[in-house]
Amino acid sequence: MRLWSLSDVSAGRQLSAQIAYFATPAIFGIYGLATGSLTMIGVAFVCILLLLAWGLVSTWRERRDSVLMQSVCAKILATLSPGEERK
């Protein structure tokens, strides 16, 4: 509980963890630019937009729940004596 209450639940940190999802369509789009294929560029662009929307929605939901859990753990730890905290 102590670790959870001290964890970093910022949206920026969670969003940065999702960068790997954007690497594949980005490479696909770069390949499309190199070959001159507008279809590949379009598919990569649409994939990046869909991943961005999905990432923002899921990050917002997870952050809301994480902040609640962090608050609960901090309140429970505040009520425990120092000896009980380690159990």
PDB file of N, CA and C in Angstrom:
ATOM      1  N   MET A   1       0.825  -1.184   0.000  1.00  0.00           N
ATOM      2  CA  MET A   1       0.000   0.000   0.000  1.00  0.00           C
ATOM      3  C   MET A   1       0.870   1.249   0.000  1.00  0.00           C
ATOM      4  N   ARG A   2       1.998   1.182   0.712  1.00  0.00           N
ATOM      5  CA  ARG A   2       2.868   2.353   0.772  1.00  0.00           C
ATOM      6  C   ARG A   2       3.399   2.690  -0.620  1.00  0.00           C
ATOM      7  N   LEU A   3       3.817   1.686  -1.373  1.00  0.00           N
ATOM      8  CA  LEU A   3       4.329   1.929  -2.714  1.00  0.00           C
ATOM      9  C   LEU A   3       3.241   2.468  -3.645  1.00  0.00           C
ATOM     10  N   TRP A   4       2.035   1.932  -3.525  1.00  0.00           N
ATOM     11  CA  TRP A   4       0.939   2.399  -4.377  1.00  0.00           C
ATOM     12  C   TRP A   4       0.590   3.852  -4.063  1.00  0.00           C
ATOM     13  N   SER A   5       0.586   4.206  -2.796  1.00  0.00           N
ATOM     14  CA  SER A   5       0.216   5.569  -2.432  1.00  0.00           C
ATOM     15  C   SER A   5       1.268   6.580  -2.871  1.00  0.00           C
ATOM     16  N   LEU A   6       2.499   6.137  -3.076  1.00  0.00           N
ATOM     17  CA  LEU A   6       3.567   7.035  -3.496  1.00  0.00           C
ATOM     18  C   LEU A   6       3.840   6.974  -4.997  1.00  0.00           C
ATOM     19  N   SER A   7       3.116   6.136  -5.728  1.00  0.00           N
ATOM     20  CA  SER A   7       3.403   5.944  -7.146  1.00  0.00           C
ATOM     21  C   SER A   7       3.051   7.179  -7.972  1.00  0.00           C
ATOM     22  N   ASP A   8       3.715   7.285  -9.102  1.00  0.00           N
ATOM     23  CA  ASP A   8       3.480   8.396 -10.015  1.00  0.00           C
ATOM     24  C   ASP A   8       2.326   8.038 -10.933  1.00  0.00           C
ATOM     25  N   VAL A   9       1.220   8.754 -10.843  1.00  0.00           N
ATOM     26  CA  VAL A   9       0.041   8.463 -11.653  1.00  0.00           C
ATOM     27  C   VAL A   9      -0.248   9.598 -12.627  1.00  0.00           C
ATOM     28  N   SER A  10       0.776  10.365 -12.965  1.00  0.00           N
ATOM     29  CA  SER A  10       0.563  11.484 -13.870  1.00  0.00           C
ATOM     30  C   SER A  10       0.208  10.975 -15.264  1.00  0.00           C
ATOM     31  N   ALA A  11      -0.602  11.729 -15.949  1.00  0.00           N
ATOM     32  CA  ALA A  11      -1.031  11.341 -17.292  1.00  0.00           C
ATOM     33  C   ALA A  11       0.151  11.325 -18.259  1.00  0.00           C
ATOM     34  N   GLY A  12       1.098  12.218 -18.068  1.00  0.00           N
ATOM     35  CA  GLY A  12       2.262  12.257 -18.946  1.00  0.00           C
ATOM     36  C   GLY A  12       3.096  10.998 -18.868  1.00  0.00           C
ATOM     37  N   ARG A  13       3.276  10.480 -17.675  1.00  0.00           N
ATOM     38  CA  ARG A  13       4.062   9.251 -17.504  1.00  0.00           C
ATOM     39  C   ARG A  13       3.351   8.067 -18.140  1.00  0.00           C
ATOM     40  N   GLN A  14       2.056   7.970 -17.969  1.00  0.00           N
ATOM     41  CA  GLN A  14       1.311   6.853 -18.547  1.00  0.00           C
ATOM     42  C   GLN A  14       1.257   6.959 -20.066  1.00  0.00           C
ATOM     43  N   LEU A  15       1.134   8.169 -20.568  1.00  0.00           N
ATOM     44  CA  LEU A  15       1.068   8.356 -22.013  1.00  0.00           C
ATOM     45  C   LEU A  15       2.411   8.047 -22.663  1.00  0.00           C
ATOM     46  N   SER A  16       3.496   8.385 -21.976  1.00  0.00           N
ATOM     47  CA  SER A  16       4.816   8.097 -22.538  1.00  0.00           C
ATOM     48  C   SER A  16       5.069   6.600 -22.637  1.00  0.00           C
ATOM     49  N   ALA A  17       4.415   5.820 -21.804  1.00  0.00           N
ATOM     50  CA  ALA A  17       4.570   4.365 -21.865  1.00  0.00           C
ATOM     51  C   ALA A  17       3.914   3.778 -23.113  1.00  0.00           C
ATOM     52  N   GLN A  18       3.056   4.533 -23.769  1.00  0.00           N
ATOM     53  CA  GLN A  18       2.340   4.030 -24.945  1.00  0.00           C
ATOM     54  C   GLN A  18       3.013   4.397 -26.257  1.00  0.00           C
ATOM     55  N   ILE A  19       4.193   4.987 -26.190  1.00  0.00           N
ATOM     56  CA  ILE A  19       4.887   5.406 -27.404  1.00  0.00           C
ATOM     57  C   ILE A  19       5.188   4.209 -28.302  1.00  0.00           C
ATOM     58  N   ALA A  20       5.434   3.058 -27.736  1.00  0.00           N
ATOM     59  CA  ALA A  20       5.739   1.871 -28.543  1.00  0.00           C
ATOM     60  C   ALA A  20       4.605   1.542 -29.507  1.00  0.00           C
ATOM     61  N   TYR A  21       3.379   1.837 -29.125  1.00  0.00           N
ATOM     62  CA  TYR A  21       2.248   1.584 -30.015  1.00  0.00           C
ATOM     63  C   TYR A  21       2.313   2.458 -31.269  1.00  0.00           C
ATOM     64  N   PHE A  22       2.902   3.628 -31.142  1.00  0.00           N
ATOM     65  CA  PHE A  22       2.956   4.549 -32.264  1.00  0.00           C
ATOM     66  C   PHE A  22       4.157   4.300 -33.172  1.00  0.00           C
ATOM     67  N   ALA A  23       5.112   3.532 -32.712  1.00  0.00           N
ATOM     68  CA  ALA A  23       6.318   3.295 -33.503  1.00  0.00           C
ATOM     69  C   ALA A  23       6.015   2.519 -34.786  1.00  0.00           C
ATOM     70  N   THR A  24       5.189   1.501 -34.710  1.00  0.00           N
ATOM     71  CA  THR A  24       4.901   0.676 -35.885  1.00  0.00           C
ATOM     72  C   THR A  24       4.225   1.467 -36.999  1.00  0.00           C
ATOM     73  N   PRO A  25       3.119   2.186 -36.729  1.00  0.00           N
ATOM     74  CA  PRO A  25       2.538   2.962 -37.824  1.00  0.00           C
ATOM     75  C   PRO A  25       3.448   4.092 -38.305  1.00  0.00           C
ATOM     76  N   ALA A  26       4.260   4.632 -37.413  1.00  0.00           N
ATOM     77  CA  ALA A  26       5.179   5.689 -37.832  1.00  0.00           C
ATOM     78  C   ALA A  26       6.217   5.141 -38.811  1.00  0.00           C
ATOM     79  N   ILE A  27       6.762   3.979 -38.516  1.00  0.00           N
ATOM     80  CA  ILE A  27       7.720   3.351 -39.429  1.00  0.00           C
ATOM     81  C   ILE A  27       7.031   2.996 -40.737  1.00  0.00           C
ATOM     82  N   PHE A  28       5.803   2.521 -40.648  1.00  0.00           N
ATOM     83  CA  PHE A  28       5.023   2.203 -41.836  1.00  0.00           C
ATOM     84  C   PHE A  28       4.830   3.459 -42.686  1.00  0.00           C
ATOM     85  N   GLY A  29       4.531   4.582 -42.045  1.00  0.00           N
ATOM     86  CA  GLY A  29       4.354   5.843 -42.766  1.00  0.00           C
ATOM     87  C   GLY A  29       5.649   6.341 -43.381  1.00  0.00           C
ATOM     88  N   ILE A  30       6.767   6.175 -42.673  1.00  0.00           N
ATOM     89  CA  ILE A  30       8.067   6.576 -43.222  1.00  0.00           C
ATOM     90  C   ILE A  30       8.404   5.734 -44.449  1.00  0.00           C
ATOM     91  N   TYR A  31       8.098   4.454 -44.369  1.00  0.00           N
ATOM     92  CA  TYR A  31       8.312   3.591 -45.538  1.00  0.00           C
ATOM     93  C   TYR A  31       7.423   4.049 -46.698  1.00  0.00           C
ATOM     94  N   GLY A  32       6.189   4.439 -46.391  1.00  0.00           N
ATOM     95  CA  GLY A  32       5.302   4.957 -47.433  1.00  0.00           C
ATOM     96  C   GLY A  32       5.838   6.227 -48.063  1.00  0.00           C
ATOM     97  N   LEU A  33       6.433   7.097 -47.250  1.00  0.00           N
ATOM     98  CA  LEU A  33       7.050   8.302 -47.797  1.00  0.00           C
ATOM     99  C   LEU A  33       8.235   7.953 -48.698  1.00  0.00           C
ATOM    100  N   ALA A  34       9.028   6.981 -48.254  1.00  0.00           N
ATOM    101  CA  ALA A  34      10.213   6.594 -49.022  1.00  0.00           C
ATOM    102  C   ALA A  34       9.835   5.978 -50.366  1.00  0.00           C
ATOM    103  N   THR A  35       8.743   5.210 -50.392  1.00  0.00           N
ATOM    104  CA  THR A  35       8.329   4.561 -51.643  1.00  0.00           C
ATOM    105  C   THR A  35       7.360   5.421 -52.441  1.00  0.00           C
ATOM    106  N   GLY A  36       6.842   6.475 -51.824  1.00  0.00           N
ATOM    107  CA  GLY A  36       5.903   7.352 -52.524  1.00  0.00           C
ATOM    108  C   GLY A  36       4.489   6.807 -52.581  1.00  0.00           C
ATOM    109  N   SER A  37       4.132   5.900 -51.692  1.00  0.00           N
ATOM    110  CA  SER A  37       2.798   5.298 -51.689  1.00  0.00           C
ATOM    111  C   SER A  37       1.870   6.097 -50.776  1.00  0.00           C
ATOM    112  N   LEU A  38       0.918   6.773 -51.357  1.00  0.00           N
ATOM    113  CA  LEU A  38      -0.049   7.540 -50.574  1.00  0.00           C
ATOM    114  C   LEU A  38      -0.970   6.634 -49.767  1.00  0.00           C
ATOM    115  N   THR A  39      -1.228   5.431 -50.265  1.00  0.00           N
ATOM    116  CA  THR A  39      -2.065   4.483 -49.532  1.00  0.00           C
ATOM    117  C   THR A  39      -1.411   4.093 -48.214  1.00  0.00           C
ATOM    118  N   MET A  40      -0.123   3.807 -48.248  1.00  0.00           N
ATOM    119  CA  MET A  40       0.584   3.425 -47.025  1.00  0.00           C
ATOM    120  C   MET A  40       0.652   4.590 -46.047  1.00  0.00           C
ATOM    121  N   ILE A  41       0.839   5.770 -46.567  1.00  0.00           N
ATOM    122  CA  ILE A  41       0.879   6.955 -45.706  1.00  0.00           C
ATOM    123  C   ILE A  41      -0.487   7.170 -45.057  1.00  0.00           C
ATOM    124  N   GLY A  42      -1.556   7.012 -45.841  1.00  0.00           N
ATOM    125  CA  GLY A  42      -2.916   7.179 -45.318  1.00  0.00           C
ATOM    126  C   GLY A  42      -3.257   6.160 -44.251  1.00  0.00           C
ATOM    127  N   VAL A  43      -2.893   4.906 -44.492  1.00  0.00           N
ATOM    128  CA  VAL A  43      -3.159   3.845 -43.509  1.00  0.00           C
ATOM    129  C   VAL A  43      -2.386   4.121 -42.217  1.00  0.00           C
ATOM    130  N   ALA A  44      -1.134   4.523 -42.342  1.00  0.00           N
ATOM    131  CA  ALA A  44      -0.326   4.828 -41.155  1.00  0.00           C
ATOM    132  C   ALA A  44      -0.927   5.997 -40.390  1.00  0.00           C
ATOM    133  N   PHE A  45      -1.372   7.021 -41.098  1.00  0.00           N
ATOM    134  CA  PHE A  45      -1.959   8.194 -40.455  1.00  0.00           C
ATOM    135  C   PHE A  45      -3.239   7.828 -39.710  1.00  0.00           C
ATOM    136  N   VAL A  46      -4.100   7.041 -40.334  1.00  0.00           N
ATOM    137  CA  VAL A  46      -5.346   6.624 -39.685  1.00  0.00           C
ATOM    138  C   VAL A  46      -5.044   5.753 -38.468  1.00  0.00           C
ATOM    139  N   CYS A  47      -4.071   4.855 -38.573  1.00  0.00           N
ATOM    140  CA  CYS A  47      -3.695   4.009 -37.428  1.00  0.00           C
ATOM    141  C   CYS A  47      -3.181   4.855 -36.272  1.00  0.00           C
ATOM    142  N   ILE A  48      -2.366   5.854 -36.571  1.00  0.00           N
ATOM    143  CA  ILE A  48      -1.852   6.721 -35.511  1.00  0.00           C
ATOM    144  C   ILE A  48      -2.986   7.494 -34.852  1.00  0.00           C
ATOM    145  N   LEU A  49      -3.926   7.995 -35.623  1.00  0.00           N
ATOM    146  CA  LEU A  49      -5.066   8.714 -35.042  1.00  0.00           C
ATOM    147  C   LEU A  49      -5.912   7.806 -34.147  1.00  0.00           C
ATOM    148  N   LEU A  50      -6.171   6.577 -34.608  1.00  0.00           N
ATOM    149  CA  LEU A  50      -6.951   5.635 -33.796  1.00  0.00           C
ATOM    150  C   LEU A  50      -6.216   5.267 -32.512  1.00  0.00           C
ATOM    151  N   LEU A  51      -4.913   5.020 -32.606  1.00  0.00           N
ATOM    152  CA  LEU A  51      -4.133   4.697 -31.414  1.00  0.00           C
ATOM    153  C   LEU A  51      -4.077   5.871 -30.446  1.00  0.00           C
ATOM    154  N   LEU A  52      -3.989   7.077 -30.983  1.00  0.00           N
ATOM    155  CA  LEU A  52      -3.971   8.254 -30.118  1.00  0.00           C
ATOM    156  C   LEU A  52      -5.284   8.399 -29.366  1.00  0.00           C
ATOM    157  N   ALA A  53      -6.394   8.228 -30.064  1.00  0.00           N
ATOM    158  CA  ALA A  53      -7.706   8.320 -29.411  1.00  0.00           C
ATOM    159  C   ALA A  53      -7.861   7.231 -28.355  1.00  0.00           C
ATOM    160  N   TRP A  54      -7.485   6.002 -28.697  1.00  0.00           N
ATOM    161  CA  TRP A  54      -7.587   4.894 -27.752  1.00  0.00           C
ATOM    162  C   TRP A  54      -6.692   5.142 -26.538  1.00  0.00           C
ATOM    163  N   GLY A  55      -5.481   5.626 -26.773  1.00  0.00           N
ATOM    164  CA  GLY A  55      -4.553   5.886 -25.680  1.00  0.00           C
ATOM    165  C   GLY A  55      -5.033   6.975 -24.743  1.00  0.00           C
ATOM    166  N   LEU A  56      -5.585   8.029 -25.295  1.00  0.00           N
ATOM    167  CA  LEU A  56      -6.078   9.113 -24.450  1.00  0.00           C
ATOM    168  C   LEU A  56      -7.257   8.676 -23.591  1.00  0.00           C
ATOM    169  N   VAL A  57      -8.183   7.936 -24.177  1.00  0.00           N
ATOM    170  CA  VAL A  57      -9.348   7.468 -23.424  1.00  0.00           C
ATOM    171  C   VAL A  57      -8.931   6.490 -22.329  1.00  0.00           C
ATOM    172  N   SER A  58      -8.081   5.531 -22.668  1.00  0.00           N
ATOM    173  CA  SER A  58      -7.680   4.547 -21.656  1.00  0.00           C
ATOM    174  C   SER A  58      -6.813   5.182 -20.572  1.00  0.00           C
ATOM    175  N   THR A  59      -5.964   6.133 -20.943  1.00  0.00           N
ATOM    176  CA  THR A  59      -5.137   6.814 -19.949  1.00  0.00           C
ATOM    177  C   THR A  59      -6.005   7.608 -18.988  1.00  0.00           C
ATOM    178  N   TRP A  60      -7.005   8.281 -19.514  1.00  0.00           N
ATOM    179  CA  TRP A  60      -7.899   9.071 -18.662  1.00  0.00           C
ATOM    180  C   TRP A  60      -8.636   8.167 -17.669  1.00  0.00           C
ATOM    181  N   ARG A  61      -9.130   7.026 -18.141  1.00  0.00           N
ATOM    182  CA  ARG A  61      -9.837   6.091 -17.247  1.00  0.00           C
ATOM    183  C   ARG A  61      -8.914   5.514 -16.187  1.00  0.00           C
ATOM    184  N   GLU A  62      -7.717   5.080 -16.601  1.00  0.00           N
ATOM    185  CA  GLU A  62      -6.775   4.496 -15.655  1.00  0.00           C
ATOM    186  C   GLU A  62      -6.298   5.527 -14.643  1.00  0.00           C
ATOM    187  N   ARG A  63      -6.079   6.733 -15.079  1.00  0.00           N
ATOM    188  CA  ARG A  63      -5.604   7.777 -14.174  1.00  0.00           C
ATOM    189  C   ARG A  63      -6.649   8.072 -13.107  1.00  0.00           C
ATOM    190  N   ARG A  64      -7.908   8.148 -13.505  1.00  0.00           N
ATOM    191  CA  ARG A  64      -8.988   8.426 -12.551  1.00  0.00           C
ATOM    192  C   ARG A  64      -9.029   7.336 -11.479  1.00  0.00           C
ATOM    193  N   ASP A  65      -8.936   6.083 -11.911  1.00  0.00           N
ATOM    194  CA  ASP A  65      -8.957   4.969 -10.955  1.00  0.00           C
ATOM    195  C   ASP A  65      -7.692   4.930 -10.106  1.00  0.00           C
ATOM    196  N   SER A  66      -6.555   5.247 -10.693  1.00  0.00           N
ATOM    197  CA  SER A  66      -5.294   5.230  -9.950  1.00  0.00           C
ATOM    198  C   SER A  66      -5.255   6.305  -8.880  1.00  0.00           C
ATOM    199  N   VAL A  67      -5.783   7.479  -9.191  1.00  0.00           N
ATOM    200  CA  VAL A  67      -5.809   8.555  -8.204  1.00  0.00           C
ATOM    201  C   VAL A  67      -6.694   8.164  -7.023  1.00  0.00           C
ATOM    202  N   LEU A  68      -7.814   7.525  -7.299  1.00  0.00           N
ATOM    203  CA  LEU A  68      -8.694   7.064  -6.227  1.00  0.00           C
ATOM    204  C   LEU A  68      -7.984   6.025  -5.361  1.00  0.00           C
ATOM    205  N   MET A  69      -7.335   5.042  -5.983  1.00  0.00           N
ATOM    206  CA  MET A  69      -6.631   4.002  -5.227  1.00  0.00           C
ATOM    207  C   MET A  69      -5.482   4.593  -4.427  1.00  0.00           C
ATOM    208  N   GLN A  70      -4.764   5.540  -5.003  1.00  0.00           N
ATOM    209  CA  GLN A  70      -3.671   6.185  -4.295  1.00  0.00           C
ATOM    210  C   GLN A  70      -4.189   6.918  -3.061  1.00  0.00           C
ATOM    211  N   SER A  71      -5.313   7.589  -3.187  1.00  0.00           N
ATOM    212  CA  SER A  71      -5.905   8.308  -2.064  1.00  0.00           C
ATOM    213  C   SER A  71      -6.342   7.352  -0.957  1.00  0.00           C
ATOM    214  N   VAL A  72      -6.962   6.234  -1.351  1.00  0.00           N
ATOM    215  CA  VAL A  72      -7.412   5.237  -0.375  1.00  0.00           C
ATOM    216  C   VAL A  72      -6.215   4.670   0.382  1.00  0.00           C
ATOM    217  N   CYS A  73      -5.150   4.303  -0.333  1.00  0.00           N
ATOM    218  CA  CYS A  73      -3.970   3.737   0.315  1.00  0.00           C
ATOM    219  C   CYS A  73      -3.312   4.745   1.250  1.00  0.00           C
ATOM    220  N   ALA A  74      -3.248   6.003   0.845  1.00  0.00           N
ATOM    221  CA  ALA A  74      -2.644   7.027   1.694  1.00  0.00           C
ATOM    222  C   ALA A  74      -3.452   7.208   2.975  1.00  0.00           C
ATOM    223  N   LYS A  75      -4.781   7.170   2.889  1.00  0.00           N
ATOM    224  CA  LYS A  75      -5.626   7.327   4.074  1.00  0.00           C
ATOM    225  C   LYS A  75      -5.501   6.126   5.005  1.00  0.00           C
ATOM    226  N   ILE A  76      -5.411   4.937   4.446  1.00  0.00           N
ATOM    227  CA  ILE A  76      -5.238   3.736   5.277  1.00  0.00           C
ATOM    228  C   ILE A  76      -3.889   3.782   5.978  1.00  0.00           C
ATOM    229  N   LEU A  77      -2.836   4.161   5.250  1.00  0.00           N
ATOM    230  CA  LEU A  77      -1.512   4.242   5.857  1.00  0.00           C
ATOM    231  C   LEU A  77      -1.449   5.315   6.939  1.00  0.00           C
ATOM    232  N   ALA A  78      -2.216   6.367   6.804  1.00  0.00           N
ATOM    233  CA  ALA A  78      -2.218   7.429   7.809  1.00  0.00           C
ATOM    234  C   ALA A  78      -2.833   6.956   9.122  1.00  0.00           C
ATOM    235  N   THR A  79      -3.721   5.966   9.056  1.00  0.00           N
ATOM    236  CA  THR A  79      -4.365   5.476  10.271  1.00  0.00           C
ATOM    237  C   THR A  79      -3.542   4.398  10.975  1.00  0.00           C
ATOM    238  N   LEU A  80      -2.572   3.799  10.292  1.00  0.00           N
ATOM    239  CA  LEU A  80      -1.766   2.730  10.880  1.00  0.00           C
ATOM    240  C   LEU A  80      -0.629   3.302  11.708  1.00  0.00           C
ATOM    241  N   SER A  81      -0.264   2.592  12.734  1.00  0.00           N
ATOM    242  CA  SER A  81       0.907   2.983  13.516  1.00  0.00           C
ATOM    243  C   SER A  81       2.161   2.560  12.741  1.00  0.00           C
ATOM    244  N   PRO A  82       3.311   3.141  13.047  1.00  0.00           N
ATOM    245  CA  PRO A  82       4.541   2.824  12.286  1.00  0.00           C
ATOM    246  C   PRO A  82       4.888   1.336  12.290  1.00  0.00           C
ATOM    247  N   GLY A  83       4.601   0.607  13.355  1.00  0.00           N
ATOM    248  CA  GLY A  83       4.903  -0.823  13.403  1.00  0.00           C
ATOM    249  C   GLY A  83       3.994  -1.645  12.512  1.00  0.00           C
ATOM    250  N   GLU A  84       2.746  -1.246  12.373  1.00  0.00           N
ATOM    251  CA  GLU A  84       1.783  -1.980  11.555  1.00  0.00           C
ATOM    252  C   GLU A  84       2.006  -1.778  10.078  1.00  0.00           C
ATOM    253  N   GLU A  85       2.633  -0.705   9.711  1.00  0.00           N
ATOM    254  CA  GLU A  85       2.820  -0.365   8.307  1.00  0.00           C
ATOM    255  C   GLU A  85       3.661  -1.402   7.570  1.00  0.00           C
ATOM    256  N   ARG A  86       4.574  -2.027   8.272  1.00  0.00           N
ATOM    257  CA  ARG A  86       5.490  -2.982   7.628  1.00  0.00           C
ATOM    258  C   ARG A  86       4.901  -4.381   7.494  1.00  0.00           C
ATOM    259  N   LYS A  87       3.796  -4.659   8.127  1.00  0.00           N
ATOM    260  CA  LYS A  87       3.226  -6.011   8.087  1.00  0.00           C
ATOM    261  C   LYS A  87       2.597  -6.324   6.779  1.00  0.00           C
TER     262      LYS A  87
END
